[in-house]
Amino acid sequence: MNDFRIHMAGKAASLRRLNPEGLVQMRGDTAQLFLYGDIGPVFGGIGAQQVAEELGKVRASQLDLFINSDGGDAFEGVAIYNVLSRFGGRITAYVDGLAASIASVILQAGHERVMMPGSQVMVHGPWMGVMGNSADLRAAADKLDLTAKSVASIYEERTGQPSERVGSWLSGEHFFSAEDAVSNGLADRISGAPTAPTNKASRPQRAGLTSWQIAQLRSQGRRQ
């Protein structure tokens, strides 16, 4: 029997395992949800049940959603989109790095969708790995077509683009710069983001040297 799990993930997506705790942080009356990593438990990533449970623990009128994801399991992503759509307050979604594949669908749950400088969106059609006879392959193709139509309806509703345009996005792998994402209706604007959480354990790590480290290196250079 085939496993008809359908994926929407970039070709270079990694199978990262994340800490299953701490997706949601509170900052005053605003909840902050970080979708950093792959979508779906099969990828060792973030699942719809986890998002629903964590959001169910908070009471907030505003949700800031931060996305940096290659995508993952299509149905888990659609479920996350629907969980977010039922959130009682306003959602502002930020693309911190990449919202690829099914993560670009999750982005559409935001009442306002904000591209951070240098961020990108990637849209493509769903795919799956299948083994079997010709009937299995035809059934898999039908499932892929149905899934593509389902996610296309979300893109069409939020972007205002005609079905032909959205269909062309799903026919290949299409990357959009921050500017292109806005011009195509995948996002609303390019801007900065709210201040990062003060909890260092939950704050996204940044590459490079800190200002303190740079000062220390300069000091050492003067002593030599």
N, C-alpha and C. Protein backbone atom coordinates (compact mmCIF):
# COMPACT_ATOMS: atom_id res chain seq x y z
N MET A 1 0.85 -1.20 0.00
CA MET A 1 0.00 0.00 0.00
C MET A 1 0.88 1.24 0.00
N ASN A 2 0.51 2.21 -0.81
CA ASN A 2 1.29 3.43 -0.89
C ASN A 2 0.90 4.41 0.21
N ASP A 3 1.88 5.18 0.63
CA ASP A 3 1.64 6.28 1.56
C ASP A 3 1.45 7.53 0.71
N PHE A 4 0.21 7.99 0.57
CA PHE A 4 -0.06 9.12 -0.30
C PHE A 4 0.12 10.44 0.46
N ARG A 5 1.22 10.56 1.18
CA ARG A 5 1.50 11.82 1.84
C ARG A 5 2.00 12.81 0.79
N ILE A 6 1.42 13.99 0.78
CA ILE A 6 1.74 14.97 -0.25
C ILE A 6 2.60 16.06 0.36
N HIS A 7 3.68 16.39 -0.34
CA HIS A 7 4.64 17.35 0.16
C HIS A 7 4.60 18.64 -0.65
N MET A 8 4.82 19.74 0.03
CA MET A 8 5.08 21.01 -0.62
C MET A 8 6.28 21.60 0.08
N ALA A 9 7.45 21.24 -0.38
CA ALA A 9 8.70 21.69 0.22
C ALA A 9 9.70 21.94 -0.88
N GLY A 10 10.59 22.91 -0.65
CA GLY A 10 11.64 23.18 -1.61
C GLY A 10 12.52 21.97 -1.82
N LYS A 11 13.13 21.88 -3.00
CA LYS A 11 13.94 20.72 -3.33
C LYS A 11 15.11 20.56 -2.38
N ALA A 12 15.57 21.66 -1.81
CA ALA A 12 16.73 21.59 -0.92
C ALA A 12 16.32 21.58 0.55
N ALA A 13 15.06 21.31 0.81
CA ALA A 13 14.57 21.34 2.19
C ALA A 13 15.32 20.32 3.04
N SER A 14 15.69 20.74 4.23
CA SER A 14 16.39 19.85 5.14
C SER A 14 15.41 19.28 6.14
N LEU A 15 15.75 18.12 6.71
CA LEU A 15 14.88 17.48 7.69
C LEU A 15 15.35 17.88 9.08
N ARG A 16 15.04 19.12 9.46
CA ARG A 16 15.51 19.63 10.74
C ARG A 16 14.57 19.23 11.85
N ARG A 17 15.13 18.96 13.01
CA ARG A 17 14.32 18.69 14.20
C ARG A 17 14.39 19.92 15.10
N LEU A 18 13.22 20.37 15.53
CA LEU A 18 13.14 21.56 16.35
C LEU A 18 12.75 21.20 17.77
N ASN A 19 13.05 22.10 18.68
CA ASN A 19 12.55 21.97 20.04
C ASN A 19 11.03 22.04 19.99
N PRO A 20 10.31 21.03 20.46
CA PRO A 20 8.86 21.03 20.34
C PRO A 20 8.18 22.04 21.24
N GLU A 21 8.92 22.75 22.08
CA GLU A 21 8.33 23.72 22.99
C GLU A 21 8.72 25.13 22.57
N GLY A 22 7.91 26.08 22.99
CA GLY A 22 8.29 27.47 22.83
C GLY A 22 7.98 28.09 21.49
N LEU A 23 6.99 27.56 20.76
CA LEU A 23 6.61 28.20 19.49
C LEU A 23 5.97 29.55 19.73
N VAL A 24 5.18 29.66 20.80
CA VAL A 24 4.43 30.88 21.08
C VAL A 24 5.03 31.59 22.28
N GLN A 25 5.30 32.87 22.12
CA GLN A 25 5.78 33.72 23.20
C GLN A 25 4.79 34.86 23.39
N MET A 26 4.63 35.31 24.61
CA MET A 26 3.77 36.46 24.87
C MET A 26 4.62 37.71 25.06
N ARG A 27 4.20 38.78 24.43
CA ARG A 27 4.86 40.07 24.58
C ARG A 27 3.77 41.11 24.83
N GLY A 28 3.52 41.35 26.11
CA GLY A 28 2.39 42.19 26.48
C GLY A 28 1.09 41.47 26.13
N ASP A 29 0.23 42.15 25.39
CA ASP A 29 -1.04 41.56 24.97
C ASP A 29 -0.93 40.88 23.60
N THR A 30 0.28 40.80 23.06
CA THR A 30 0.49 40.22 21.74
C THR A 30 1.16 38.86 21.84
N ALA A 31 0.60 37.88 21.15
CA ALA A 31 1.23 36.57 21.06
C ALA A 31 2.14 36.55 19.85
N GLN A 32 3.29 35.91 19.99
CA GLN A 32 4.24 35.79 18.89
C GLN A 32 4.46 34.31 18.60
N LEU A 33 4.19 33.92 17.36
CA LEU A 33 4.32 32.53 16.92
C LEU A 33 5.45 32.44 15.91
N PHE A 34 6.45 31.60 16.20
CA PHE A 34 7.61 31.45 15.32
C PHE A 34 7.52 30.13 14.57
N LEU A 35 7.29 30.20 13.28
CA LEU A 35 7.33 29.02 12.42
C LEU A 35 8.68 29.01 11.71
N TYR A 36 9.68 28.55 12.44
CA TYR A 36 11.05 28.46 11.93
C TYR A 36 11.37 26.98 11.72
N GLY A 37 11.51 26.55 10.49
CA GLY A 37 11.82 25.15 10.23
C GLY A 37 10.78 24.50 9.34
N ASP A 38 10.85 23.20 9.24
CA ASP A 38 10.00 22.45 8.32
C ASP A 38 8.59 22.28 8.89
N ILE A 39 7.63 22.09 8.00
CA ILE A 39 6.23 21.96 8.38
C ILE A 39 5.83 20.49 8.37
N GLY A 40 5.35 20.01 9.52
CA GLY A 40 4.85 18.64 9.60
C GLY A 40 5.73 17.73 10.43
N PRO A 41 5.13 16.92 11.31
CA PRO A 41 5.89 15.99 12.15
C PRO A 41 6.73 15.01 11.35
N VAL A 42 6.29 14.63 10.14
CA VAL A 42 7.06 13.67 9.35
C VAL A 42 8.43 14.23 9.00
N PHE A 43 8.56 15.55 8.97
CA PHE A 43 9.83 16.20 8.71
C PHE A 43 10.57 16.52 10.01
N GLY A 44 10.01 16.10 11.15
CA GLY A 44 10.60 16.48 12.42
C GLY A 44 10.36 17.94 12.73
N GLY A 45 9.33 18.51 12.12
CA GLY A 45 9.09 19.94 12.25
C GLY A 45 7.82 20.27 12.99
N ILE A 46 7.17 21.33 12.57
CA ILE A 46 6.05 21.93 13.28
C ILE A 46 4.74 21.39 12.73
N GLY A 47 3.87 20.88 13.61
CA GLY A 47 2.61 20.30 13.19
C GLY A 47 1.42 21.17 13.56
N ALA A 48 0.30 20.93 12.90
CA ALA A 48 -0.91 21.70 13.14
C ALA A 48 -1.42 21.51 14.57
N GLN A 49 -1.34 20.29 15.09
CA GLN A 49 -1.81 20.04 16.45
C GLN A 49 -1.01 20.85 17.46
N GLN A 50 0.30 20.92 17.25
CA GLN A 50 1.15 21.69 18.15
C GLN A 50 0.78 23.17 18.12
N VAL A 51 0.57 23.70 16.91
CA VAL A 51 0.19 25.11 16.78
C VAL A 51 -1.15 25.36 17.46
N ALA A 52 -2.12 24.48 17.23
CA ALA A 52 -3.44 24.65 17.82
C ALA A 52 -3.39 24.61 19.34
N GLU A 53 -2.62 23.66 19.88
CA GLU A 53 -2.52 23.53 21.33
C GLU A 53 -1.86 24.75 21.96
N GLU A 54 -0.79 25.23 21.34
CA GLU A 54 -0.08 26.38 21.93
C GLU A 54 -0.91 27.65 21.82
N LEU A 55 -1.59 27.85 20.70
CA LEU A 55 -2.44 29.04 20.58
C LEU A 55 -3.62 28.96 21.53
N GLY A 56 -4.08 27.74 21.82
CA GLY A 56 -5.19 27.57 22.74
C GLY A 56 -4.87 27.94 24.17
N LYS A 57 -3.58 28.04 24.49
CA LYS A 57 -3.16 28.37 25.86
C LYS A 57 -3.07 29.88 26.10
N VAL A 58 -3.13 30.68 25.03
CA VAL A 58 -2.92 32.11 25.19
C VAL A 58 -4.22 32.87 24.93
N ARG A 59 -4.31 34.05 25.51
CA ARG A 59 -5.43 34.95 25.27
C ARG A 59 -4.83 36.26 24.76
N ALA A 60 -4.99 36.50 23.49
CA ALA A 60 -4.40 37.69 22.89
C ALA A 60 -5.29 38.18 21.75
N SER A 61 -5.32 39.49 21.57
CA SER A 61 -6.10 40.07 20.47
C SER A 61 -5.25 40.26 19.23
N GLN A 62 -3.93 40.11 19.39
CA GLN A 62 -3.01 40.29 18.27
C GLN A 62 -2.03 39.12 18.25
N LEU A 63 -1.80 38.57 17.05
CA LEU A 63 -0.81 37.52 16.86
C LEU A 63 0.18 37.97 15.80
N ASP A 64 1.45 38.00 16.17
CA ASP A 64 2.53 38.25 15.22
C ASP A 64 3.12 36.91 14.82
N LEU A 65 3.02 36.58 13.54
CA LEU A 65 3.48 35.30 13.01
C LEU A 65 4.78 35.52 12.24
N PHE A 66 5.85 34.85 12.66
CA PHE A 66 7.16 34.99 12.02
C PHE A 66 7.49 33.69 11.28
N ILE A 67 7.79 33.80 10.00
CA ILE A 67 7.99 32.62 9.16
C ILE A 67 9.39 32.60 8.57
N ASN A 68 10.04 31.45 8.68
CA ASN A 68 11.27 31.15 7.94
C ASN A 68 11.27 29.64 7.73
N SER A 69 10.74 29.20 6.59
CA SER A 69 10.50 27.77 6.40
C SER A 69 10.61 27.40 4.93
N ASP A 70 11.18 26.21 4.68
CA ASP A 70 11.25 25.64 3.33
C ASP A 70 9.96 24.95 2.93
N GLY A 71 9.00 24.81 3.85
CA GLY A 71 7.77 24.09 3.56
C GLY A 71 7.76 22.72 4.20
N GLY A 72 7.00 21.79 3.64
CA GLY A 72 6.92 20.45 4.21
C GLY A 72 5.66 19.73 3.78
N ASP A 73 4.94 19.17 4.74
CA ASP A 73 3.74 18.38 4.49
C ASP A 73 2.58 19.31 4.11
N ALA A 74 2.00 19.08 2.93
CA ALA A 74 0.97 19.97 2.41
C ALA A 74 -0.26 20.02 3.31
N PHE A 75 -0.74 18.87 3.77
CA PHE A 75 -1.96 18.85 4.57
C PHE A 75 -1.73 19.46 5.95
N GLU A 76 -0.55 19.24 6.53
CA GLU A 76 -0.24 19.88 7.81
C GLU A 76 -0.22 21.40 7.63
N GLY A 77 0.35 21.85 6.51
CA GLY A 77 0.39 23.29 6.26
C GLY A 77 -0.98 23.89 6.07
N VAL A 78 -1.84 23.21 5.32
CA VAL A 78 -3.21 23.70 5.14
C VAL A 78 -3.94 23.71 6.48
N ALA A 79 -3.70 22.70 7.31
CA ALA A 79 -4.33 22.67 8.63
C ALA A 79 -3.85 23.84 9.49
N ILE A 80 -2.55 24.14 9.43
CA ILE A 80 -2.03 25.29 10.18
C ILE A 80 -2.68 26.58 9.68
N TYR A 81 -2.80 26.70 8.36
CA TYR A 81 -3.48 27.87 7.77
C TYR A 81 -4.89 28.01 8.35
N ASN A 82 -5.62 26.91 8.44
CA ASN A 82 -6.99 26.97 8.95
C ASN A 82 -7.05 27.23 10.44
N VAL A 83 -6.09 26.67 11.19
CA VAL A 83 -6.00 26.97 12.63
C VAL A 83 -5.81 28.47 12.83
N LEU A 84 -4.90 29.05 12.06
CA LEU A 84 -4.65 30.49 12.17
C LEU A 84 -5.86 31.30 11.74
N SER A 85 -6.57 30.83 10.72
CA SER A 85 -7.75 31.55 10.24
C SER A 85 -8.84 31.62 11.30
N ARG A 86 -8.84 30.65 12.23
CA ARG A 86 -9.84 30.66 13.30
C ARG A 86 -9.38 31.46 14.52
N PHE A 87 -8.17 31.98 14.50
CA PHE A 87 -7.69 32.78 15.63
C PHE A 87 -8.60 33.99 15.79
N GLY A 88 -8.98 34.27 17.03
CA GLY A 88 -9.98 35.30 17.26
C GLY A 88 -9.53 36.72 17.02
N GLY A 89 -8.21 36.96 17.02
CA GLY A 89 -7.71 38.32 16.87
C GLY A 89 -7.12 38.58 15.49
N ARG A 90 -6.36 39.67 15.44
CA ARG A 90 -5.73 40.08 14.19
C ARG A 90 -4.36 39.41 14.07
N ILE A 91 -4.01 38.98 12.86
CA ILE A 91 -2.73 38.33 12.60
C ILE A 91 -1.90 39.18 11.65
N THR A 92 -0.69 39.49 12.08
CA THR A 92 0.30 40.11 11.19
C THR A 92 1.39 39.09 10.94
N ALA A 93 1.57 38.70 9.69
CA ALA A 93 2.54 37.67 9.33
C ALA A 93 3.78 38.32 8.73
N TYR A 94 4.95 37.92 9.25
CA TYR A 94 6.24 38.45 8.78
C TYR A 94 7.05 37.33 8.15
N VAL A 95 7.57 37.56 6.96
CA VAL A 95 8.52 36.62 6.36
C VAL A 95 9.91 37.10 6.75
N ASP A 96 10.53 36.38 7.68
CA ASP A 96 11.85 36.78 8.17
C ASP A 96 12.96 36.38 7.22
N GLY A 97 12.78 35.28 6.51
CA GLY A 97 13.81 34.82 5.57
C GLY A 97 13.18 34.28 4.31
N LEU A 98 12.55 33.11 4.44
CA LEU A 98 11.92 32.44 3.31
C LEU A 98 10.58 31.84 3.73
N ALA A 99 9.57 32.10 2.93
CA ALA A 99 8.28 31.41 3.07
C ALA A 99 8.10 30.60 1.80
N ALA A 100 8.54 29.35 1.84
CA ALA A 100 8.57 28.52 0.63
C ALA A 100 7.47 27.48 0.65
N SER A 101 6.93 27.22 -0.51
CA SER A 101 6.02 26.11 -0.71
C SER A 101 4.81 26.24 0.21
N ILE A 102 4.50 25.22 1.02
CA ILE A 102 3.31 25.29 1.86
C ILE A 102 3.43 26.40 2.90
N ALA A 103 4.64 26.83 3.25
CA ALA A 103 4.80 27.96 4.17
C ALA A 103 4.28 29.25 3.54
N SER A 104 4.31 29.35 2.20
CA SER A 104 3.76 30.53 1.54
C SER A 104 2.24 30.52 1.60
N VAL A 105 1.64 29.35 1.75
CA VAL A 105 0.19 29.25 1.98
C VAL A 105 -0.13 29.71 3.39
N ILE A 106 0.65 29.26 4.37
CA ILE A 106 0.45 29.68 5.76
C ILE A 106 0.55 31.20 5.86
N LEU A 107 1.46 31.80 5.11
CA LEU A 107 1.61 33.26 5.10
C LEU A 107 0.30 33.95 4.79
N GLN A 108 -0.51 33.34 3.94
CA GLN A 108 -1.76 33.97 3.51
C GLN A 108 -2.80 34.07 4.62
N ALA A 109 -2.55 33.43 5.77
CA ALA A 109 -3.48 33.54 6.90
C ALA A 109 -3.38 34.89 7.59
N GLY A 110 -2.34 35.65 7.29
CA GLY A 110 -2.17 36.95 7.93
C GLY A 110 -3.15 37.98 7.39
N HIS A 111 -3.75 38.76 8.29
CA HIS A 111 -4.55 39.89 7.84
C HIS A 111 -3.66 40.89 7.13
N GLU A 112 -2.44 41.02 7.65
CA GLU A 112 -1.41 41.81 6.98
C GLU A 112 -0.18 40.93 6.82
N ARG A 113 0.39 40.93 5.62
CA ARG A 113 1.54 40.07 5.31
C ARG A 113 2.72 40.96 4.99
N VAL A 114 3.76 40.86 5.80
CA VAL A 114 4.88 41.78 5.73
C VAL A 114 6.15 41.05 5.33
N MET A 115 6.81 41.54 4.30
CA MET A 115 8.10 41.01 3.87
C MET A 115 9.21 41.80 4.56
N MET A 116 10.11 41.09 5.23
CA MET A 116 11.28 41.74 5.79
C MET A 116 12.29 41.98 4.66
N PRO A 117 13.14 43.01 4.80
CA PRO A 117 14.11 43.28 3.74
C PRO A 117 14.96 42.05 3.43
N GLY A 118 15.07 41.73 2.15
CA GLY A 118 15.86 40.58 1.72
C GLY A 118 15.14 39.26 1.77
N SER A 119 13.92 39.22 2.27
CA SER A 119 13.18 37.96 2.38
C SER A 119 12.59 37.57 1.02
N GLN A 120 12.17 36.31 0.92
CA GLN A 120 11.63 35.79 -0.33
C GLN A 120 10.44 34.87 -0.07
N VAL A 121 9.64 34.71 -1.11
CA VAL A 121 8.54 33.74 -1.12
C VAL A 121 8.77 32.79 -2.29
N MET A 122 8.52 31.50 -2.07
CA MET A 122 8.62 30.53 -3.17
C MET A 122 7.30 29.77 -3.27
N VAL A 123 6.79 29.67 -4.50
CA VAL A 123 5.55 28.96 -4.76
C VAL A 123 5.82 27.87 -5.79
N HIS A 124 5.31 26.68 -5.54
CA HIS A 124 5.37 25.60 -6.53
C HIS A 124 4.23 24.62 -6.28
N GLY A 125 4.09 23.65 -7.15
CA GLY A 125 3.04 22.67 -7.01
C GLY A 125 3.41 21.56 -6.05
N PRO A 126 2.42 20.84 -5.53
CA PRO A 126 2.68 19.72 -4.61
C PRO A 126 3.32 18.55 -5.33
N TRP A 127 4.01 17.71 -4.57
CA TRP A 127 4.65 16.52 -5.13
C TRP A 127 4.58 15.39 -4.11
N MET A 128 4.81 14.17 -4.58
CA MET A 128 4.86 13.01 -3.69
C MET A 128 5.71 11.92 -4.33
N GLY A 129 6.24 11.06 -3.47
CA GLY A 129 6.95 9.88 -3.96
C GLY A 129 6.00 8.69 -3.95
N VAL A 130 5.91 7.97 -5.06
CA VAL A 130 4.95 6.87 -5.19
C VAL A 130 5.63 5.66 -5.81
N MET A 131 5.32 4.48 -5.27
CA MET A 131 5.70 3.22 -5.91
C MET A 131 4.43 2.41 -6.12
N GLY A 132 4.35 1.73 -7.25
CA GLY A 132 3.19 0.90 -7.49
C GLY A 132 2.94 0.69 -8.96
N ASN A 133 1.76 0.18 -9.28
CA ASN A 133 1.41 -0.06 -10.67
C ASN A 133 0.80 1.19 -11.30
N SER A 134 0.35 1.05 -12.53
CA SER A 134 -0.17 2.21 -13.25
C SER A 134 -1.39 2.81 -12.56
N ALA A 135 -2.22 1.97 -11.95
CA ALA A 135 -3.39 2.48 -11.24
C ALA A 135 -2.97 3.32 -10.04
N ASP A 136 -1.93 2.88 -9.32
CA ASP A 136 -1.42 3.65 -8.19
C ASP A 136 -0.92 5.01 -8.65
N LEU A 137 -0.20 5.03 -9.76
CA LEU A 137 0.37 6.28 -10.25
C LEU A 137 -0.73 7.24 -10.72
N ARG A 138 -1.76 6.71 -11.36
CA ARG A 138 -2.86 7.57 -11.78
C ARG A 138 -3.60 8.14 -10.57
N ALA A 139 -3.80 7.30 -9.55
CA ALA A 139 -4.46 7.77 -8.33
C ALA A 139 -3.64 8.85 -7.65
N ALA A 140 -2.32 8.68 -7.65
CA ALA A 140 -1.45 9.68 -7.04
C ALA A 140 -1.53 10.99 -7.81
N ALA A 141 -1.55 10.91 -9.14
CA ALA A 141 -1.65 12.12 -9.95
C ALA A 141 -2.95 12.86 -9.68
N ASP A 142 -4.04 12.11 -9.51
CA ASP A 142 -5.33 12.73 -9.21
C ASP A 142 -5.28 13.45 -7.86
N LYS A 143 -4.65 12.83 -6.88
CA LYS A 143 -4.53 13.44 -5.56
C LYS A 143 -3.70 14.72 -5.63
N LEU A 144 -2.62 14.69 -6.42
CA LEU A 144 -1.80 15.88 -6.57
C LEU A 144 -2.58 17.01 -7.24
N ASP A 145 -3.35 16.68 -8.27
CA ASP A 145 -4.14 17.70 -8.96
C ASP A 145 -5.17 18.32 -8.01
N LEU A 146 -5.81 17.48 -7.19
CA LEU A 146 -6.81 17.98 -6.25
C LEU A 146 -6.17 18.89 -5.21
N THR A 147 -4.99 18.48 -4.72
CA THR A 147 -4.28 19.31 -3.74
C THR A 147 -3.86 20.63 -4.35
N ALA A 148 -3.38 20.60 -5.58
CA ALA A 148 -2.98 21.83 -6.26
C ALA A 148 -4.16 22.79 -6.39
N LYS A 149 -5.34 22.26 -6.73
CA LYS A 149 -6.53 23.11 -6.84
C LYS A 149 -6.90 23.72 -5.49
N SER A 150 -6.73 22.93 -4.43
CA SER A 150 -7.09 23.41 -3.10
C SER A 150 -6.21 24.58 -2.67
N VAL A 151 -4.89 24.44 -2.85
CA VAL A 151 -4.01 25.52 -2.44
C VAL A 151 -4.12 26.70 -3.40
N ALA A 152 -4.41 26.42 -4.68
CA ALA A 152 -4.58 27.51 -5.64
C ALA A 152 -5.72 28.43 -5.23
N SER A 153 -6.78 27.86 -4.68
CA SER A 153 -7.92 28.68 -4.27
C SER A 153 -7.54 29.64 -3.15
N ILE A 154 -6.62 29.22 -2.28
CA ILE A 154 -6.16 30.11 -1.21
C ILE A 154 -5.34 31.25 -1.80
N TYR A 155 -4.40 30.91 -2.68
CA TYR A 155 -3.60 31.96 -3.33
C TYR A 155 -4.49 32.95 -4.09
N GLU A 156 -5.46 32.42 -4.83
CA GLU A 156 -6.32 33.29 -5.64
C GLU A 156 -7.11 34.26 -4.77
N GLU A 157 -7.64 33.74 -3.66
CA GLU A 157 -8.45 34.58 -2.78
C GLU A 157 -7.63 35.71 -2.17
N ARG A 158 -6.41 35.40 -1.71
CA ARG A 158 -5.61 36.41 -1.02
C ARG A 158 -4.86 37.34 -1.97
N THR A 159 -4.42 36.82 -3.11
CA THR A 159 -3.62 37.65 -4.01
C THR A 159 -4.47 38.44 -4.99
N GLY A 160 -5.68 37.96 -5.27
CA GLY A 160 -6.49 38.60 -6.29
C GLY A 160 -6.05 38.28 -7.71
N GLN A 161 -5.11 37.34 -7.84
CA GLN A 161 -4.62 36.97 -9.16
C GLN A 161 -5.59 35.97 -9.81
N PRO A 162 -5.69 36.00 -11.15
CA PRO A 162 -6.56 35.04 -11.84
C PRO A 162 -6.01 33.63 -11.73
N SER A 163 -6.88 32.66 -11.94
CA SER A 163 -6.48 31.26 -11.80
C SER A 163 -5.37 30.89 -12.77
N GLU A 164 -5.34 31.52 -13.95
CA GLU A 164 -4.29 31.21 -14.92
C GLU A 164 -2.92 31.60 -14.38
N ARG A 165 -2.84 32.76 -13.74
CA ARG A 165 -1.56 33.22 -13.19
C ARG A 165 -1.12 32.31 -12.05
N VAL A 166 -2.03 32.01 -11.14
CA VAL A 166 -1.68 31.13 -10.02
C VAL A 166 -1.30 29.75 -10.55
N GLY A 167 -2.01 29.27 -11.55
CA GLY A 167 -1.67 27.98 -12.14
C GLY A 167 -0.27 27.95 -12.71
N SER A 168 0.16 29.07 -13.28
CA SER A 168 1.53 29.13 -13.81
C SER A 168 2.56 29.08 -12.69
N TRP A 169 2.23 29.66 -11.53
CA TRP A 169 3.14 29.56 -10.38
C TRP A 169 3.29 28.11 -9.94
N LEU A 170 2.18 27.38 -9.94
CA LEU A 170 2.20 26.01 -9.46
C LEU A 170 2.78 25.03 -10.47
N SER A 171 3.00 25.48 -11.69
CA SER A 171 3.53 24.59 -12.72
C SER A 171 5.04 24.40 -12.62
N GLY A 172 5.70 25.22 -11.82
CA GLY A 172 7.15 25.11 -11.65
C GLY A 172 7.52 25.57 -10.26
N GLU A 173 8.75 26.01 -10.11
CA GLU A 173 9.24 26.52 -8.82
C GLU A 173 9.58 27.99 -9.03
N HIS A 174 8.79 28.87 -8.42
CA HIS A 174 8.90 30.30 -8.68
C HIS A 174 9.26 31.05 -7.39
N PHE A 175 10.39 31.76 -7.44
CA PHE A 175 10.83 32.57 -6.31
C PHE A 175 10.45 34.03 -6.54
N PHE A 176 10.00 34.68 -5.47
CA PHE A 176 9.61 36.07 -5.51
C PHE A 176 10.44 36.86 -4.51
N SER A 177 11.08 37.92 -4.96
CA SER A 177 11.74 38.82 -4.03
C SER A 177 10.68 39.51 -3.18
N ALA A 178 11.11 40.24 -2.18
CA ALA A 178 10.15 40.95 -1.34
C ALA A 178 9.30 41.89 -2.19
N GLU A 179 9.96 42.59 -3.11
CA GLU A 179 9.23 43.52 -3.97
C GLU A 179 8.25 42.78 -4.88
N ASP A 180 8.70 41.67 -5.46
CA ASP A 180 7.84 40.90 -6.35
C ASP A 180 6.67 40.27 -5.61
N ALA A 181 6.92 39.84 -4.37
CA ALA A 181 5.84 39.25 -3.57
C ALA A 181 4.73 40.28 -3.35
N VAL A 182 5.11 41.51 -3.08
CA VAL A 182 4.12 42.56 -2.87
C VAL A 182 3.39 42.88 -4.17
N SER A 183 4.14 43.01 -5.26
CA SER A 183 3.51 43.38 -6.54
C SER A 183 2.58 42.29 -7.06
N ASN A 184 2.82 41.04 -6.66
CA ASN A 184 1.97 39.94 -7.10
C ASN A 184 0.87 39.59 -6.10
N GLY A 185 0.78 40.35 -5.01
CA GLY A 185 -0.29 40.13 -4.05
C GLY A 185 -0.04 39.05 -3.03
N LEU A 186 1.17 38.47 -3.04
CA LEU A 186 1.50 37.45 -2.04
C LEU A 186 1.82 38.06 -0.68
N ALA A 187 2.10 39.34 -0.65
CA ALA A 187 2.36 40.08 0.58
C ALA A 187 1.82 41.49 0.40
N ASP A 188 1.73 42.23 1.51
CA ASP A 188 1.15 43.56 1.47
C ASP A 188 2.18 44.68 1.47
N ARG A 189 3.29 44.47 2.17
CA ARG A 189 4.28 45.54 2.24
C ARG A 189 5.63 45.00 2.68
N ILE A 190 6.64 45.85 2.55
CA ILE A 190 7.99 45.55 3.05
C ILE A 190 8.26 46.50 4.20
N SER A 191 8.70 45.96 5.32
CA SER A 191 8.91 46.82 6.48
C SER A 191 9.79 46.13 7.50
N GLY A 192 10.01 46.84 8.64
CA GLY A 192 10.71 46.24 9.76
C GLY A 192 9.73 45.44 10.60
N ALA A 193 10.25 44.81 11.66
CA ALA A 193 9.43 43.94 12.51
C ALA A 193 9.41 44.47 13.93
N PRO A 194 8.49 44.00 14.77
CA PRO A 194 8.51 44.36 16.18
C PRO A 194 9.80 43.92 16.84
N THR A 195 10.07 44.48 18.00
CA THR A 195 11.26 44.12 18.75
C THR A 195 11.25 42.64 19.08
N ALA A 196 12.42 42.00 18.97
CA ALA A 196 12.52 40.56 19.23
C ALA A 196 12.26 40.28 20.70
N PRO A 197 11.85 39.05 21.06
CA PRO A 197 11.61 38.70 22.46
C PRO A 197 12.86 38.90 23.31
N THR A 198 12.65 39.24 24.57
CA THR A 198 13.79 39.44 25.46
C THR A 198 14.33 38.13 25.99
N ASN A 199 13.55 37.05 25.91
CA ASN A 199 13.99 35.74 26.37
C ASN A 199 15.04 35.20 25.43
N LYS A 200 16.29 35.16 25.85
CA LYS A 200 17.38 34.74 24.97
C LYS A 200 17.23 33.30 24.53
N ALA A 201 16.62 32.46 25.37
CA ALA A 201 16.48 31.05 25.01
C ALA A 201 15.54 30.87 23.83
N SER A 202 14.56 31.78 23.70
CA SER A 202 13.58 31.63 22.63
C SER A 202 13.86 32.54 21.44
N ARG A 203 14.85 33.43 21.58
CA ARG A 203 15.13 34.37 20.51
C ARG A 203 15.84 33.68 19.37
N PRO A 204 15.42 33.91 18.11
CA PRO A 204 16.12 33.32 16.98
C PRO A 204 17.58 33.72 16.98
N GLN A 205 18.47 32.76 16.78
CA GLN A 205 19.90 33.02 16.78
C GLN A 205 20.32 33.72 15.51
N ARG A 206 21.25 34.66 15.62
CA ARG A 206 21.74 35.39 14.47
C ARG A 206 23.20 35.07 14.25
N ALA A 207 23.55 34.92 12.99
CA ALA A 207 24.94 34.61 12.66
C ALA A 207 25.80 35.85 12.79
N GLY A 208 27.11 35.65 12.97
CA GLY A 208 28.03 36.76 13.02
C GLY A 208 28.42 37.13 14.43
N LEU A 209 29.28 38.16 14.54
CA LEU A 209 29.77 38.61 15.84
C LEU A 209 28.84 39.63 16.45
N THR A 210 28.72 39.60 17.76
CA THR A 210 27.96 40.62 18.46
C THR A 210 28.82 41.87 18.59
N SER A 211 28.18 42.99 18.94
CA SER A 211 28.93 44.24 19.11
C SER A 211 29.95 44.10 20.25
N TRP A 212 29.58 43.31 21.29
CA TRP A 212 30.51 43.10 22.40
C TRP A 212 31.73 42.33 21.92
N GLN A 213 31.53 41.29 21.09
CA GLN A 213 32.65 40.51 20.57
C GLN A 213 33.55 41.36 19.69
N ILE A 214 32.95 42.22 18.87
CA ILE A 214 33.75 43.09 18.01
C ILE A 214 34.60 44.03 18.85
N ALA A 215 34.00 44.59 19.92
CA ALA A 215 34.75 45.48 20.79
C ALA A 215 35.91 44.76 21.45
N GLN A 216 35.68 43.49 21.87
CA GLN A 216 36.75 42.72 22.49
C GLN A 216 37.89 42.48 21.51
N LEU A 217 37.59 42.15 20.28
CA LEU A 217 38.63 41.92 19.28
C LEU A 217 39.42 43.19 19.02
N ARG A 218 38.75 44.33 18.94
CA ARG A 218 39.45 45.59 18.73
C ARG A 218 40.37 45.90 19.90
N SER A 219 39.87 45.60 21.11
CA SER A 219 40.68 45.85 22.30
C SER A 219 41.92 44.98 22.31
N GLN A 220 41.77 43.71 21.92
CA GLN A 220 42.92 42.81 21.86
C GLN A 220 43.93 43.27 20.83
N GLY A 221 43.43 43.81 19.72
CA GLY A 221 44.33 44.28 18.67
C GLY A 221 45.16 45.45 19.14
N ARG A 222 44.59 46.33 19.95
CA ARG A 222 45.33 47.48 20.45
C ARG A 222 46.39 47.08 21.45
N ARG A 223 46.18 45.93 22.16
CA ARG A 223 47.14 45.52 23.18
C ARG A 223 48.34 44.79 22.58
N GLN A 224 48.26 44.35 21.35
CA GLN A 224 49.34 43.57 20.75
C GLN A 224 50.48 44.48 20.29
